[in-house]
Every structure is written in structure tokens, then in C-alpha cells.
């Protein structure tokens, strides 16, 4: 299981997989009757939050490497 999927709820993963497969909101709600439109929006928001955290962590890691290289005179 990837780092991203570990941070997403199973409900969000199911919704995002259907979106990626080209499903409409109506098809998603039909497949998962316990969901409502706000649940679809929440899945997208959750995915964006995870991706934002990942980008921030990656950028800070790169800055750490740059600072180390500068300190070593590279």
C-alpha cells in the first residue's frame, strides 16, 4: 500500500477510483448509496490535502540536501 493510500480513507479511495475511471457523480452515488454529494467533494479535498503535504515534505527535504551541500562546500 502506498504512502498516499494509507493517508486516505477507504471511502475516499473508492470515490477517487470511480472518478479516475470516468464515472459521473450520479454513478458514484448509485454504486455507494450511503454516500452523498458532500462525500464526493470531501474525497477530492482529502486527496488534495495529502498531495499538498507530500509536496511540502518533498520540498523541505530538497532544501535540507541543498543546505548540507552548501555546508560541505559543494
Protein backbone atom coordinates (compact mmCIF):
# COMPACT_ATOMS: atom_id res chain seq x y z
CA UNK A 1 0.00 0.00 0.00
CA UNK A 2 1.44 3.37 -0.97
CA UNK A 3 2.06 6.23 1.42
CA UNK A 4 -0.80 8.21 -0.13
CA UNK A 5 -3.42 5.48 0.09
CA UNK A 6 -2.52 4.93 3.74
CA UNK A 7 -3.48 8.56 4.39
CA UNK A 8 -6.81 8.44 2.51
CA UNK A 9 -9.96 6.93 3.94
CA UNK A 10 -11.27 3.80 2.20
CA UNK A 11 -14.38 5.78 1.23
CA UNK A 12 -12.25 8.45 -0.46
CA UNK A 13 -10.19 5.85 -2.29
CA UNK A 14 -13.35 4.22 -3.66
CA UNK A 15 -14.74 7.57 -4.81
CA UNK A 16 -11.45 8.67 -6.39
CA UNK A 17 -11.07 5.34 -8.21
CA UNK A 18 -14.51 5.80 -9.73
CA UNK A 19 -13.72 9.39 -10.72
CA UNK A 20 -10.46 8.25 -12.30
CA UNK A 21 -12.43 5.61 -14.20
CA UNK A 22 -14.67 8.29 -15.67
CA UNK A 23 -17.73 7.75 -13.50
CA UNK A 24 -20.18 10.58 -13.02
CA UNK A 25 -21.31 11.77 -9.61
CA UNK A 26 -24.62 10.00 -10.20
CA UNK A 27 -22.85 6.71 -10.97
CA UNK A 28 -20.77 7.02 -7.80
CA UNK A 29 -23.85 7.71 -5.69
CA UNK A 30 -25.64 4.80 -7.31
CA UNK A 31 -22.73 2.44 -6.59
CA UNK A 32 -22.44 3.71 -3.00
CA UNK A 33 -25.96 4.59 -1.80
CA UNK A 34 -24.66 5.54 1.63
CA UNK A 35 -22.77 8.50 0.09
CA UNK A 36 -23.99 11.98 -0.78
CA UNK A 37 -22.52 14.77 -2.92
CA UNK A 38 -20.56 16.27 0.02
CA UNK A 39 -18.79 12.90 0.44
CA UNK A 40 -17.50 13.14 -3.13
CA UNK A 41 -16.28 16.68 -2.53
CA UNK A 42 -14.67 15.56 0.73
CA UNK A 43 -12.78 12.78 -1.08
CA UNK A 44 -11.34 15.27 -3.54
CA UNK A 45 -10.41 17.66 -0.74
CA UNK A 46 -8.79 14.84 1.24
CA UNK A 47 -6.70 13.85 -1.79
CA UNK A 48 -5.59 17.44 -2.34
CA UNK A 49 -4.60 17.75 1.33
CA UNK A 50 -2.49 14.59 1.11
CA UNK A 51 -0.84 15.75 -2.11
CA UNK A 52 -0.14 19.17 -0.60
CA UNK A 53 1.53 17.57 2.43
CA UNK A 54 3.57 15.35 0.16
CA UNK A 55 4.74 18.31 -1.95
CA UNK A 56 5.67 20.29 1.17
CA UNK A 57 7.61 17.39 2.66
CA UNK A 58 9.44 16.77 -0.61
CA UNK A 59 10.39 20.43 -0.98
CA UNK A 60 11.69 20.68 2.58
CA UNK A 61 13.73 17.51 2.07
CA UNK A 62 15.34 19.00 -1.02
CA UNK A 63 16.17 22.23 0.84
CA UNK A 64 17.81 20.16 3.57
CA UNK A 65 20.01 18.48 0.96
CA UNK A 66 20.94 21.84 -0.56
CA UNK A 67 21.88 23.27 2.81
CA UNK A 68 24.03 20.22 3.62
CA UNK A 69 25.80 20.50 0.29
CA UNK A 70 26.44 24.23 0.90
CA UNK A 71 27.82 23.49 4.35
CA UNK A 72 30.21 20.96 2.84
CA UNK A 73 31.31 23.42 0.20
CA UNK A 74 29.87 21.51 -2.75
